[in-house]
Protein backbone atom coordinates (compact mmCIF):
# COMPACT_ATOMS: atom_id res chain seq x y z
CA MET A 1 2.01 13.54 7.07
CA ASP A 2 0.41 10.12 6.76
CA ALA A 3 0.49 7.98 3.62
CA SER A 4 -3.10 8.69 2.58
CA ARG A 5 -2.43 12.44 2.57
CA HIS A 6 0.70 11.99 0.46
CA LEU A 7 -1.31 9.83 -1.93
CA GLN A 8 -4.09 12.42 -2.15
CA ARG A 9 -1.53 15.18 -2.75
CA ALA A 10 0.03 13.11 -5.54
CA ARG A 11 -3.36 12.72 -7.23
CA GLU A 12 -3.95 16.47 -7.02
CA LEU A 13 -0.51 17.15 -8.51
CA ILE A 14 -1.17 14.73 -11.37
CA ASP A 15 -4.49 16.48 -12.04
CA ARG A 16 -2.62 19.80 -12.16
CA GLY A 17 -0.07 18.45 -14.63
CA ARG A 18 2.83 18.23 -12.18
CA PRO A 19 3.99 14.61 -12.49
CA GLU A 20 7.48 15.31 -11.16
CA LEU A 21 6.05 16.60 -7.89
CA ALA A 22 3.51 13.78 -7.82
CA GLU A 23 6.36 11.28 -8.10
CA SER A 24 7.97 12.80 -5.02
CA ALA A 25 4.66 12.70 -3.10
CA LEU A 26 4.21 9.03 -4.04
CA SER A 27 7.71 8.24 -2.80
CA ASP A 28 6.78 9.97 0.46
CA ALA A 29 3.57 7.88 0.59
CA ILE A 30 5.61 4.71 0.21
CA ASP A 31 7.98 5.76 2.99
CA ALA A 32 5.09 6.70 5.30
CA SER A 33 3.34 3.38 4.59
CA VAL A 34 6.47 1.41 5.41
CA GLN A 35 6.95 3.37 8.61
CA ALA A 36 3.30 2.80 9.60
CA GLU A 37 3.49 -0.85 8.50
CA ASP A 38 0.35 -0.28 6.40
CA LEU A 39 0.43 -2.84 3.61
CA VAL A 40 -2.79 -1.59 1.99
CA MET A 41 -1.52 1.98 1.65
CA LEU A 42 1.90 0.73 0.57
CA THR A 43 0.28 -1.28 -2.22
CA ARG A 44 -1.85 1.68 -3.33
CA ALA A 45 1.17 4.00 -3.36
CA ARG A 46 3.26 1.49 -5.32
CA ILE A 47 0.61 0.96 -8.01
CA ALA A 48 0.10 4.72 -8.30
CA LEU A 49 3.83 5.28 -8.75
CA GLY A 50 4.10 2.38 -11.18
CA GLU A 51 1.24 3.75 -13.27
CA LEU A 52 2.75 7.24 -13.27
CA LEU A 53 6.13 5.93 -14.42
CA VAL A 54 4.53 3.84 -17.17
CA GLU A 55 2.57 6.87 -18.38
CA GLN A 56 5.87 8.75 -18.62
CA GLY A 57 7.44 5.96 -20.68
CA ARG A 58 9.70 4.91 -17.79
CA GLU A 59 8.71 1.25 -17.79
CA ASP A 60 12.06 -0.01 -16.48
CA GLU A 61 11.68 2.17 -13.40
CA ALA A 62 8.06 1.07 -12.94
CA LEU A 63 8.85 -2.66 -12.97
CA PRO A 64 9.96 -3.10 -9.34
CA PHE A 65 6.90 -1.24 -8.03
CA LEU A 66 4.48 -3.20 -10.21
CA GLN A 67 6.18 -6.51 -9.38
CA ALA A 68 5.93 -5.75 -5.67
CA VAL A 69 2.20 -5.06 -6.06
CA VAL A 70 1.63 -8.33 -7.91
CA ARG A 71 3.33 -10.22 -5.07
CA THR A 72 1.07 -8.57 -2.46
CA GLU A 73 -1.58 -10.77 -0.95
CA ILE A 74 -4.07 -9.69 1.70
CA ALA A 75 -6.65 -12.26 2.76
CA ASN A 76 -9.60 -9.84 2.85
CA GLY A 77 -9.09 -8.89 -0.81
CA SER A 78 -8.59 -5.19 -0.07
CA VAL A 79 -5.88 -4.80 -2.73
CA ASP A 80 -7.12 -7.27 -5.35
CA GLY A 81 -7.92 -4.41 -7.76
CA GLU A 82 -4.42 -3.01 -7.45
CA VAL A 83 -2.87 -6.44 -7.96
CA LYS A 84 -4.92 -7.02 -11.12
CA ALA A 85 -4.07 -3.55 -12.46
CA ALA A 86 -0.36 -4.15 -11.86
CA ALA A 87 -0.55 -7.51 -13.62
CA ARG A 88 -2.22 -5.88 -16.64
CA LEU A 89 0.48 -3.20 -16.80
CA LEU A 90 3.25 -5.78 -16.53
CA ARG A 91 1.72 -7.79 -19.39
CA ARG A 92 1.46 -4.62 -21.49
CA ILE A 93 5.07 -3.66 -20.77
CA ARG A 94 6.19 -7.14 -21.79
CA GLY A 95 4.06 -7.05 -24.95
CA ILE A 96 1.76 -9.87 -23.85
CA PRO A 97 -1.78 -9.47 -25.20
CA GLU A 98 -4.57 -9.35 -22.65
């Protein structure tokens, strides 16, 4: 299964109230993105997993995913929204006002 399908499945699982299964699907999306060398999908999967972990109160586990997103730079701006969202979450986790 490709990364976009894993990501879509994770969203469906979150909508159905199954965050533990969504977490697994997001991990699969990350693995598939790495294998496909797809930086855009990798960034989207990382921010989705980071957000899910933050929502569950697991900020320490979310940090590496959010930090990786913030360090991502693609010249065409295709992940700028994800980078900004990750930066906002990191500031919130650290107690820095927006």
